[in-house]
């Protein structure tokens, strides 16, 4: 990484109660996520997004956006972190974990965080910071429920007839064969 001095983040705890320990820990792990965001750009793996998954005050994984490296539009930092943490811990339930993200997660990343049951999300900056430098404004719109910036050009059609019935039926016909989250 070039010029590590630029990556040093300073923070100041406020107050003198037990929330200081949580605040300090949040700042430490969020700093790691921000450093990962810089690393993503520095090594050419992807956009400036980083994430850290923590369990019991210890880092399980820390990673960054891998979209360019993996040629995978779903390899966002948070999704990659969830995948890696699940693999490392050998389970899909991360309800005893927290995630720290350099930026407010997009809907896909939020979905991965939600279905993995992570108990806490701490993010560094709002989605509008990414939008301001050219990232898709769909992120902020979806999170806020606004259409102010919406520019998705995608036709969406719900099927009908027999194929729609078959798609609906698969849930009832297979419900005894899989375990819900």
N, C-alpha and C. Protein backbone atom coordinates (compact mmCIF):
# COMPACT_ATOMS: atom_id res chain seq x y z
N UNK A 1 0.83 -1.18 0.00
CA UNK A 1 0.00 0.00 0.00
C UNK A 1 0.87 1.24 0.00
N UNK A 2 0.44 2.23 -0.75
CA UNK A 2 1.20 3.46 -0.82
C UNK A 2 0.82 4.39 0.33
N UNK A 3 1.81 5.06 0.86
CA UNK A 3 1.62 6.10 1.85
C UNK A 3 0.65 5.71 2.97
N UNK A 4 1.08 4.81 3.81
CA UNK A 4 0.24 4.34 4.91
C UNK A 4 -0.18 5.45 5.86
N UNK A 5 0.56 6.55 5.88
CA UNK A 5 0.17 7.65 6.75
C UNK A 5 -1.21 8.19 6.39
N UNK A 6 -1.56 8.14 5.11
CA UNK A 6 -2.86 8.63 4.69
C UNK A 6 -3.98 7.73 5.20
N UNK A 7 -3.66 6.48 5.56
CA UNK A 7 -4.67 5.54 5.99
C UNK A 7 -4.92 5.60 7.49
N UNK A 8 -4.10 6.32 8.22
CA UNK A 8 -4.26 6.39 9.67
C UNK A 8 -5.52 7.17 10.00
N UNK A 9 -6.38 6.55 10.77
CA UNK A 9 -7.62 7.20 11.16
C UNK A 9 -7.54 7.55 12.64
N UNK A 10 -7.91 8.76 12.95
CA UNK A 10 -7.93 9.19 14.33
C UNK A 10 -9.37 9.30 14.80
N UNK A 11 -9.59 8.90 16.02
CA UNK A 11 -10.92 9.03 16.59
C UNK A 11 -10.78 9.43 18.04
N UNK A 12 -11.86 9.98 18.57
CA UNK A 12 -11.85 10.42 19.96
C UNK A 12 -13.11 9.89 20.62
N UNK A 13 -12.94 9.10 21.67
CA UNK A 13 -14.09 8.58 22.41
C UNK A 13 -14.77 9.73 23.14
N UNK A 14 -16.09 9.68 23.18
CA UNK A 14 -16.81 10.71 23.91
C UNK A 14 -17.49 10.09 25.12
N UNK A 15 -17.57 10.81 26.20
CA UNK A 15 -18.18 10.30 27.42
C UNK A 15 -17.21 9.44 28.21
N UNK A 16 -17.63 9.04 29.42
CA UNK A 16 -16.74 8.28 30.28
C UNK A 16 -17.40 7.03 30.84
N UNK A 17 -18.47 6.57 30.20
CA UNK A 17 -19.14 5.39 30.72
C UNK A 17 -18.71 4.14 29.96
N UNK A 18 -19.43 3.05 30.17
CA UNK A 18 -19.05 1.78 29.54
C UNK A 18 -19.20 1.81 28.02
N UNK A 19 -19.94 2.78 27.50
CA UNK A 19 -20.07 2.87 26.05
C UNK A 19 -18.74 3.24 25.39
N UNK A 20 -17.80 3.78 26.17
CA UNK A 20 -16.48 4.09 25.63
C UNK A 20 -15.80 2.84 25.08
N UNK A 21 -15.90 1.74 25.82
CA UNK A 21 -15.26 0.49 25.36
C UNK A 21 -15.87 0.05 24.05
N UNK A 22 -17.19 0.12 23.94
CA UNK A 22 -17.86 -0.25 22.68
C UNK A 22 -17.46 0.70 21.58
N UNK A 23 -17.45 1.99 21.88
CA UNK A 23 -17.08 2.99 20.90
C UNK A 23 -15.65 2.76 20.42
N UNK A 24 -14.74 2.53 21.34
CA UNK A 24 -13.34 2.29 20.98
C UNK A 24 -13.20 1.05 20.11
N UNK A 25 -13.90 -0.02 20.49
CA UNK A 25 -13.85 -1.26 19.72
C UNK A 25 -14.44 -1.03 18.33
N UNK A 26 -15.54 -0.32 18.26
CA UNK A 26 -16.14 -0.01 16.96
C UNK A 26 -15.14 0.75 16.08
N UNK A 27 -14.46 1.72 16.66
CA UNK A 27 -13.50 2.51 15.89
C UNK A 27 -12.34 1.65 15.41
N UNK A 28 -11.87 0.75 16.24
CA UNK A 28 -10.76 -0.13 15.84
C UNK A 28 -11.17 -1.00 14.66
N UNK A 29 -12.32 -1.65 14.76
CA UNK A 29 -12.74 -2.56 13.68
C UNK A 29 -13.17 -1.79 12.43
N UNK A 30 -13.77 -0.63 12.62
CA UNK A 30 -14.15 0.18 11.47
C UNK A 30 -12.91 0.71 10.76
N UNK A 31 -11.88 1.02 11.51
CA UNK A 31 -10.61 1.44 10.91
C UNK A 31 -10.06 0.33 10.02
N UNK A 32 -10.15 -0.90 10.48
CA UNK A 32 -9.69 -2.05 9.66
C UNK A 32 -10.51 -2.14 8.37
N UNK A 33 -11.82 -1.91 8.46
CA UNK A 33 -12.67 -1.95 7.27
C UNK A 33 -12.27 -0.86 6.28
N UNK A 34 -11.98 0.33 6.80
CA UNK A 34 -11.56 1.44 5.93
C UNK A 34 -10.21 1.13 5.30
N UNK A 35 -9.30 0.54 6.05
CA UNK A 35 -8.01 0.14 5.49
C UNK A 35 -8.20 -0.88 4.37
N UNK A 36 -9.14 -1.79 4.55
CA UNK A 36 -9.45 -2.77 3.50
C UNK A 36 -10.00 -2.08 2.26
N UNK A 37 -10.79 -1.02 2.45
CA UNK A 37 -11.33 -0.26 1.32
C UNK A 37 -10.20 0.34 0.50
N UNK A 38 -9.21 0.91 1.18
CA UNK A 38 -8.04 1.43 0.48
C UNK A 38 -7.29 0.31 -0.23
N UNK A 39 -7.17 -0.83 0.41
CA UNK A 39 -6.45 -1.96 -0.17
C UNK A 39 -7.13 -2.46 -1.44
N UNK A 40 -8.45 -2.45 -1.47
CA UNK A 40 -9.19 -2.91 -2.65
C UNK A 40 -8.79 -2.11 -3.89
N UNK A 41 -8.67 -0.81 -3.71
CA UNK A 41 -8.30 0.07 -4.83
C UNK A 41 -6.81 -0.06 -5.13
N UNK A 42 -6.01 -0.07 -4.10
CA UNK A 42 -4.56 -0.12 -4.25
C UNK A 42 -4.10 -1.35 -5.03
N UNK A 43 -4.69 -2.50 -4.75
CA UNK A 43 -4.27 -3.73 -5.43
C UNK A 43 -5.11 -4.03 -6.67
N UNK A 44 -6.11 -3.20 -6.96
CA UNK A 44 -6.90 -3.36 -8.17
C UNK A 44 -7.98 -4.43 -8.09
N UNK A 45 -8.32 -4.88 -6.87
CA UNK A 45 -9.32 -5.94 -6.73
C UNK A 45 -10.74 -5.44 -6.96
N UNK A 46 -11.01 -4.17 -6.64
CA UNK A 46 -12.37 -3.67 -6.78
C UNK A 46 -12.50 -2.25 -6.25
N UNK A 47 -13.74 -1.85 -6.02
CA UNK A 47 -14.03 -0.52 -5.54
C UNK A 47 -13.65 -0.33 -4.08
N UNK A 48 -13.71 0.91 -3.60
CA UNK A 48 -13.23 1.24 -2.26
C UNK A 48 -14.20 0.87 -1.14
N UNK A 49 -14.36 -0.42 -0.94
CA UNK A 49 -15.25 -0.92 0.10
C UNK A 49 -14.53 -2.02 0.88
N UNK A 50 -14.65 -1.97 2.20
CA UNK A 50 -14.03 -2.97 3.06
C UNK A 50 -15.00 -3.43 4.13
N UNK A 51 -14.76 -4.65 4.65
CA UNK A 51 -15.64 -5.19 5.70
C UNK A 51 -14.84 -6.09 6.63
N UNK A 52 -15.28 -6.13 7.87
CA UNK A 52 -14.66 -6.95 8.90
C UNK A 52 -15.77 -7.65 9.68
N UNK A 53 -15.66 -8.96 9.85
CA UNK A 53 -16.59 -9.72 10.68
C UNK A 53 -15.88 -10.04 11.99
N UNK A 54 -16.58 -9.78 13.10
CA UNK A 54 -16.01 -9.93 14.43
C UNK A 54 -16.90 -10.84 15.27
N UNK A 55 -16.26 -11.72 16.04
CA UNK A 55 -16.97 -12.60 16.98
C UNK A 55 -16.25 -12.50 18.32
N UNK A 56 -16.99 -12.20 19.36
CA UNK A 56 -16.43 -12.11 20.71
C UNK A 56 -15.20 -11.19 20.78
N UNK A 57 -15.27 -10.07 20.06
CA UNK A 57 -14.19 -9.09 20.10
C UNK A 57 -12.96 -9.45 19.30
N UNK A 58 -13.03 -10.55 18.54
CA UNK A 58 -11.90 -10.98 17.72
C UNK A 58 -12.30 -10.98 16.25
N UNK A 59 -11.38 -10.59 15.38
CA UNK A 59 -11.65 -10.58 13.95
C UNK A 59 -11.72 -12.01 13.43
N UNK A 60 -12.82 -12.33 12.78
CA UNK A 60 -12.98 -13.62 12.10
C UNK A 60 -12.38 -13.50 10.70
N UNK A 61 -12.80 -12.47 9.97
CA UNK A 61 -12.26 -12.19 8.64
C UNK A 61 -12.27 -10.69 8.41
N UNK A 62 -11.35 -10.26 7.57
CA UNK A 62 -11.39 -8.89 7.08
C UNK A 62 -11.07 -8.98 5.60
N UNK A 63 -11.85 -8.26 4.82
CA UNK A 63 -11.66 -8.35 3.37
C UNK A 63 -12.19 -7.09 2.70
N UNK A 64 -12.07 -7.07 1.40
CA UNK A 64 -12.51 -5.91 0.64
C UNK A 64 -13.24 -6.34 -0.62
N UNK A 65 -13.72 -5.36 -1.34
CA UNK A 65 -14.42 -5.60 -2.59
C UNK A 65 -13.53 -6.38 -3.55
N UNK A 66 -14.08 -7.44 -4.14
CA UNK A 66 -13.32 -8.32 -5.04
C UNK A 66 -13.99 -8.41 -6.42
N UNK A 67 -14.82 -7.45 -6.75
CA UNK A 67 -15.58 -7.48 -8.00
C UNK A 67 -14.68 -7.60 -9.22
N UNK A 68 -13.64 -6.80 -9.30
CA UNK A 68 -12.76 -6.82 -10.47
C UNK A 68 -11.88 -8.06 -10.48
N UNK A 69 -11.33 -8.39 -9.35
CA UNK A 69 -10.44 -9.56 -9.26
C UNK A 69 -11.16 -10.85 -9.62
N UNK A 70 -12.37 -11.01 -9.12
CA UNK A 70 -13.12 -12.25 -9.34
C UNK A 70 -14.04 -12.20 -10.56
N UNK A 71 -14.08 -11.05 -11.23
CA UNK A 71 -15.01 -10.84 -12.33
C UNK A 71 -16.41 -11.29 -11.89
N UNK A 72 -16.81 -10.76 -10.74
CA UNK A 72 -18.05 -11.18 -10.10
C UNK A 72 -18.74 -9.95 -9.50
N UNK A 73 -19.84 -9.51 -10.10
CA UNK A 73 -20.52 -8.32 -9.60
C UNK A 73 -21.12 -8.50 -8.22
N UNK A 74 -21.17 -9.72 -7.70
CA UNK A 74 -21.70 -9.94 -6.35
C UNK A 74 -20.59 -10.00 -5.29
N UNK A 75 -19.36 -9.82 -5.68
CA UNK A 75 -18.24 -9.95 -4.73
C UNK A 75 -17.96 -8.64 -3.99
N UNK A 76 -19.03 -8.02 -3.50
CA UNK A 76 -18.89 -6.82 -2.69
C UNK A 76 -18.21 -7.20 -1.38
N UNK A 77 -17.66 -6.23 -0.69
CA UNK A 77 -16.90 -6.48 0.54
C UNK A 77 -17.74 -7.23 1.58
N UNK A 78 -18.96 -6.77 1.80
CA UNK A 78 -19.79 -7.39 2.84
C UNK A 78 -20.20 -8.81 2.47
N UNK A 79 -20.58 -9.01 1.22
CA UNK A 79 -20.95 -10.37 0.78
C UNK A 79 -19.75 -11.29 0.89
N UNK A 80 -18.59 -10.82 0.45
CA UNK A 80 -17.36 -11.60 0.55
C UNK A 80 -17.04 -11.91 2.01
N UNK A 81 -17.21 -10.95 2.88
CA UNK A 81 -16.94 -11.16 4.31
C UNK A 81 -17.88 -12.20 4.90
N UNK A 82 -19.16 -12.11 4.55
CA UNK A 82 -20.14 -13.10 5.05
C UNK A 82 -19.77 -14.49 4.55
N UNK A 83 -19.47 -14.60 3.26
CA UNK A 83 -19.09 -15.91 2.69
C UNK A 83 -17.86 -16.48 3.40
N UNK A 84 -16.84 -15.65 3.57
CA UNK A 84 -15.59 -16.11 4.19
C UNK A 84 -15.79 -16.48 5.66
N UNK A 85 -16.58 -15.69 6.38
CA UNK A 85 -16.83 -15.97 7.79
C UNK A 85 -17.61 -17.28 7.95
N UNK A 86 -18.60 -17.48 7.12
CA UNK A 86 -19.37 -18.74 7.17
C UNK A 86 -18.46 -19.94 6.90
N UNK A 87 -17.62 -19.80 5.91
CA UNK A 87 -16.70 -20.89 5.58
C UNK A 87 -15.71 -21.14 6.72
N UNK A 88 -15.15 -20.06 7.26
CA UNK A 88 -14.16 -20.21 8.32
C UNK A 88 -14.77 -20.81 9.59
N UNK A 89 -15.99 -20.38 9.93
CA UNK A 89 -16.64 -20.88 11.13
C UNK A 89 -17.39 -22.19 10.89
N UNK A 90 -17.55 -22.56 9.62
CA UNK A 90 -18.21 -23.83 9.29
C UNK A 90 -19.71 -23.83 9.52
N UNK A 91 -20.33 -22.66 9.34
CA UNK A 91 -21.78 -22.56 9.56
C UNK A 91 -22.33 -21.35 8.82
N UNK A 92 -23.64 -21.34 8.61
CA UNK A 92 -24.26 -20.22 7.90
C UNK A 92 -24.89 -19.22 8.85
N UNK A 93 -25.04 -19.56 10.11
CA UNK A 93 -25.64 -18.69 11.12
C UNK A 93 -24.53 -17.90 11.82
N UNK A 94 -24.52 -16.60 11.60
CA UNK A 94 -23.51 -15.73 12.20
C UNK A 94 -24.14 -14.83 13.26
N UNK A 95 -25.15 -15.35 13.95
CA UNK A 95 -25.89 -14.53 14.91
C UNK A 95 -25.07 -14.10 16.11
N UNK A 96 -23.90 -14.67 16.28
CA UNK A 96 -23.01 -14.24 17.37
C UNK A 96 -21.90 -13.33 16.86
N UNK A 97 -22.08 -12.81 15.66
CA UNK A 97 -21.05 -11.97 15.02
C UNK A 97 -21.58 -10.56 14.75
N UNK A 98 -20.63 -9.66 14.53
CA UNK A 98 -20.91 -8.30 14.11
C UNK A 98 -20.17 -8.06 12.81
N UNK A 99 -20.65 -7.10 12.03
CA UNK A 99 -19.93 -6.74 10.80
C UNK A 99 -19.69 -5.23 10.80
N UNK A 100 -18.50 -4.87 10.37
CA UNK A 100 -18.09 -3.48 10.23
C UNK A 100 -17.83 -3.24 8.76
N UNK A 101 -18.50 -2.25 8.19
CA UNK A 101 -18.38 -1.95 6.77
C UNK A 101 -17.95 -0.49 6.59
N UNK A 102 -17.07 -0.27 5.64
CA UNK A 102 -16.58 1.09 5.42
C UNK A 102 -17.69 2.02 4.93
N UNK A 103 -18.68 1.45 4.23
CA UNK A 103 -19.77 2.25 3.68
C UNK A 103 -21.09 1.54 3.98
N UNK A 104 -22.14 2.31 4.03
CA UNK A 104 -23.48 1.76 4.22
C UNK A 104 -23.73 0.68 3.16
N UNK A 105 -24.14 -0.50 3.56
CA UNK A 105 -24.29 -1.59 2.60
C UNK A 105 -25.41 -1.36 1.58
N UNK A 106 -25.16 -1.86 0.38
CA UNK A 106 -26.19 -1.84 -0.65
C UNK A 106 -27.25 -2.89 -0.29
N UNK A 107 -28.36 -2.92 -0.99
CA UNK A 107 -29.41 -3.90 -0.67
C UNK A 107 -28.93 -5.35 -0.74
N UNK A 108 -28.08 -5.69 -1.70
CA UNK A 108 -27.58 -7.06 -1.80
C UNK A 108 -26.75 -7.40 -0.57
N UNK A 109 -25.86 -6.51 -0.18
CA UNK A 109 -25.01 -6.74 0.99
C UNK A 109 -25.85 -6.79 2.25
N UNK A 110 -26.81 -5.89 2.36
CA UNK A 110 -27.68 -5.91 3.51
C UNK A 110 -28.44 -7.23 3.58
N UNK A 111 -28.85 -7.73 2.42
CA UNK A 111 -29.54 -9.03 2.38
C UNK A 111 -28.66 -10.14 2.90
N UNK A 112 -27.38 -10.15 2.49
CA UNK A 112 -26.45 -11.18 2.96
C UNK A 112 -26.25 -11.07 4.46
N UNK A 113 -26.14 -9.85 4.96
CA UNK A 113 -25.99 -9.63 6.40
C UNK A 113 -27.23 -10.14 7.13
N UNK A 114 -28.39 -9.82 6.59
CA UNK A 114 -29.65 -10.21 7.22
C UNK A 114 -29.83 -11.73 7.25
N UNK A 115 -29.64 -12.40 6.12
CA UNK A 115 -29.90 -13.86 6.10
C UNK A 115 -28.85 -14.64 6.86
N UNK A 116 -27.68 -14.05 7.08
CA UNK A 116 -26.67 -14.73 7.89
C UNK A 116 -26.92 -14.50 9.38
N UNK A 117 -27.88 -13.65 9.69
CA UNK A 117 -28.31 -13.35 11.06
C UNK A 117 -27.27 -12.60 11.89
N UNK A 118 -26.37 -11.91 11.23
CA UNK A 118 -25.39 -11.10 11.97
C UNK A 118 -26.17 -10.17 12.89
N UNK A 119 -25.70 -10.05 14.14
CA UNK A 119 -26.47 -9.32 15.16
C UNK A 119 -26.28 -7.81 15.15
N UNK A 120 -25.22 -7.34 14.51
CA UNK A 120 -24.93 -5.90 14.58
C UNK A 120 -24.14 -5.47 13.37
N UNK A 121 -24.51 -4.32 12.83
CA UNK A 121 -23.83 -3.71 11.68
C UNK A 121 -23.38 -2.32 12.09
N UNK A 122 -22.11 -2.02 11.86
CA UNK A 122 -21.58 -0.68 12.07
C UNK A 122 -20.95 -0.26 10.75
N UNK A 123 -21.38 0.89 10.21
CA UNK A 123 -20.79 1.34 8.95
C UNK A 123 -20.22 2.74 9.11
N UNK A 124 -19.24 3.05 8.25
CA UNK A 124 -18.50 4.29 8.37
C UNK A 124 -19.13 5.50 7.74
N UNK A 125 -19.64 5.36 6.53
CA UNK A 125 -20.22 6.51 5.84
C UNK A 125 -21.49 6.08 5.11
N UNK A 126 -22.30 7.05 4.78
CA UNK A 126 -23.56 6.79 4.12
C UNK A 126 -23.35 6.48 2.63
N UNK A 127 -24.34 5.83 2.05
CA UNK A 127 -24.27 5.44 0.64
C UNK A 127 -24.06 6.63 -0.28
N UNK A 128 -24.54 7.79 0.11
CA UNK A 128 -24.40 8.97 -0.73
C UNK A 128 -22.94 9.33 -0.99
N UNK A 129 -22.04 8.94 -0.10
CA UNK A 129 -20.61 9.20 -0.34
C UNK A 129 -20.12 8.41 -1.56
N UNK A 130 -20.62 7.20 -1.73
CA UNK A 130 -20.27 6.39 -2.91
C UNK A 130 -20.96 6.95 -4.16
N UNK A 131 -22.20 7.36 -4.00
CA UNK A 131 -22.95 7.94 -5.12
C UNK A 131 -22.25 9.19 -5.63
N UNK A 132 -21.72 9.99 -4.72
CA UNK A 132 -21.08 11.26 -5.07
C UNK A 132 -19.87 11.09 -5.98
N UNK A 133 -19.25 9.92 -5.96
CA UNK A 133 -18.08 9.69 -6.82
C UNK A 133 -18.41 8.78 -8.00
N UNK A 134 -19.70 8.51 -8.22
CA UNK A 134 -20.10 7.80 -9.42
C UNK A 134 -20.65 6.40 -9.25
N UNK A 135 -20.69 5.88 -8.03
CA UNK A 135 -21.30 4.56 -7.86
C UNK A 135 -22.80 4.66 -8.05
N UNK A 136 -23.42 3.57 -8.41
CA UNK A 136 -24.84 3.52 -8.75
C UNK A 136 -25.70 4.06 -7.62
N UNK A 137 -26.54 5.03 -7.94
CA UNK A 137 -27.39 5.64 -6.93
C UNK A 137 -28.55 4.75 -6.52
N UNK A 138 -28.70 3.63 -7.15
CA UNK A 138 -29.69 2.64 -6.74
C UNK A 138 -29.50 2.27 -5.28
N UNK A 139 -28.26 2.27 -4.82
CA UNK A 139 -27.95 1.89 -3.44
C UNK A 139 -28.69 2.80 -2.47
N UNK A 140 -28.47 4.08 -2.58
CA UNK A 140 -29.11 5.03 -1.67
C UNK A 140 -30.62 5.01 -1.84
N UNK A 141 -31.10 4.93 -3.07
CA UNK A 141 -32.54 4.92 -3.31
C UNK A 141 -33.20 3.71 -2.66
N UNK A 142 -32.61 2.54 -2.82
CA UNK A 142 -33.20 1.33 -2.26
C UNK A 142 -33.20 1.38 -0.74
N UNK A 143 -32.13 1.89 -0.15
CA UNK A 143 -32.04 1.96 1.30
C UNK A 143 -33.02 2.98 1.85
N UNK A 144 -33.17 4.10 1.19
CA UNK A 144 -34.03 5.18 1.68
C UNK A 144 -35.47 5.04 1.22
N UNK A 145 -35.73 4.18 0.24
CA UNK A 145 -37.08 4.05 -0.29
C UNK A 145 -37.46 5.22 -1.17
N UNK A 146 -36.48 5.88 -1.74
CA UNK A 146 -36.75 7.02 -2.61
C UNK A 146 -36.51 6.60 -4.05
N UNK A 147 -36.96 7.41 -4.96
CA UNK A 147 -36.67 7.17 -6.37
C UNK A 147 -36.00 8.39 -6.96
N UNK A 148 -35.48 9.23 -6.09
CA UNK A 148 -34.87 10.48 -6.52
C UNK A 148 -33.76 10.26 -7.54
N UNK A 149 -32.92 9.25 -7.32
CA UNK A 149 -31.79 9.01 -8.20
C UNK A 149 -31.99 7.79 -9.09
N UNK A 150 -33.11 7.12 -8.95
CA UNK A 150 -33.31 5.83 -9.61
C UNK A 150 -33.06 5.91 -11.11
N UNK A 151 -32.21 5.02 -11.62
CA UNK A 151 -31.96 4.97 -13.05
C UNK A 151 -31.80 3.54 -13.55
N UNK A 152 -32.35 2.58 -12.82
CA UNK A 152 -32.29 1.19 -13.23
C UNK A 152 -33.22 1.02 -14.43
N UNK A 153 -32.69 0.44 -15.50
CA UNK A 153 -33.48 0.19 -16.70
C UNK A 153 -33.59 -1.31 -16.86
N UNK A 154 -34.60 -1.86 -16.24
CA UNK A 154 -34.77 -3.30 -16.21
C UNK A 154 -36.25 -3.60 -16.31
N UNK A 155 -36.61 -4.42 -17.26
CA UNK A 155 -38.00 -4.85 -17.36
C UNK A 155 -38.22 -5.97 -16.36
N UNK A 156 -39.27 -5.84 -15.57
CA UNK A 156 -39.61 -6.87 -14.60
C UNK A 156 -41.03 -7.34 -14.89
N UNK A 157 -41.18 -8.63 -15.05
CA UNK A 157 -42.49 -9.20 -15.38
C UNK A 157 -42.72 -10.44 -14.55
N UNK A 158 -43.88 -10.54 -13.92
CA UNK A 158 -44.25 -11.74 -13.20
C UNK A 158 -44.90 -12.70 -14.18
N UNK A 159 -44.43 -13.93 -14.16
CA UNK A 159 -44.99 -14.95 -15.05
C UNK A 159 -46.42 -15.28 -14.64
N UNK A 160 -47.15 -15.85 -15.58
CA UNK A 160 -48.50 -16.32 -15.25
C UNK A 160 -48.70 -17.71 -15.85
N UNK A 161 -49.84 -18.26 -15.63
CA UNK A 161 -50.15 -19.57 -16.19
C UNK A 161 -49.47 -20.72 -15.47
N UNK A 162 -49.27 -21.80 -16.21
CA UNK A 162 -48.72 -23.03 -15.65
C UNK A 162 -47.33 -22.89 -15.06
N UNK A 163 -46.47 -22.10 -15.71
CA UNK A 163 -45.11 -21.95 -15.19
C UNK A 163 -45.13 -21.19 -13.87
N UNK A 164 -46.03 -20.23 -13.72
CA UNK A 164 -46.16 -19.51 -12.46
C UNK A 164 -46.63 -20.45 -11.36
N UNK A 165 -47.58 -21.31 -11.68
CA UNK A 165 -48.07 -22.30 -10.71
C UNK A 165 -46.95 -23.27 -10.33
N UNK A 166 -46.15 -23.69 -11.30
CA UNK A 166 -45.04 -24.61 -11.01
C UNK A 166 -44.01 -23.94 -10.10
N UNK A 167 -43.71 -22.67 -10.36
CA UNK A 167 -42.75 -21.93 -9.54
C UNK A 167 -43.28 -21.77 -8.11
N UNK A 168 -44.58 -21.49 -7.98
CA UNK A 168 -45.19 -21.35 -6.66
C UNK A 168 -45.22 -22.70 -5.94
N UNK A 169 -45.52 -23.76 -6.67
CA UNK A 169 -45.66 -25.10 -6.09
C UNK A 169 -44.37 -25.68 -5.54
N UNK A 170 -43.22 -25.26 -6.07
CA UNK A 170 -41.95 -25.83 -5.62
C UNK A 170 -41.76 -25.63 -4.11
N UNK A 171 -42.28 -24.54 -3.56
CA UNK A 171 -42.12 -24.29 -2.13
C UNK A 171 -42.90 -25.30 -1.29
N UNK A 172 -44.15 -25.51 -1.65
CA UNK A 172 -44.97 -26.46 -0.90
C UNK A 172 -44.49 -27.89 -1.09
N UNK A 173 -44.06 -28.22 -2.29
CA UNK A 173 -43.66 -29.60 -2.59
C UNK A 173 -42.31 -29.98 -1.99
N UNK A 174 -41.49 -29.00 -1.63
CA UNK A 174 -40.16 -29.32 -1.10
C UNK A 174 -39.97 -28.90 0.35
N UNK A 175 -40.98 -28.30 0.99
CA UNK A 175 -40.79 -27.72 2.32
C UNK A 175 -40.32 -28.73 3.37
N UNK A 176 -40.64 -29.98 3.23
CA UNK A 176 -40.20 -30.99 4.21
C UNK A 176 -38.77 -31.46 3.96
N UNK A 177 -38.17 -31.03 2.85
CA UNK A 177 -36.84 -31.51 2.47
C UNK A 177 -35.70 -30.53 2.81
N UNK A 178 -36.04 -29.36 3.34
CA UNK A 178 -34.97 -28.41 3.67
C UNK A 178 -35.26 -27.75 5.01
N UNK A 179 -34.20 -27.34 5.65
CA UNK A 179 -34.33 -26.66 6.94
C UNK A 179 -34.29 -25.16 6.70
N UNK A 180 -35.20 -24.46 7.31
CA UNK A 180 -35.19 -22.99 7.22
C UNK A 180 -34.07 -22.45 8.08
N UNK A 181 -33.73 -21.23 7.82
CA UNK A 181 -32.62 -20.58 8.52
C UNK A 181 -32.86 -20.58 9.97
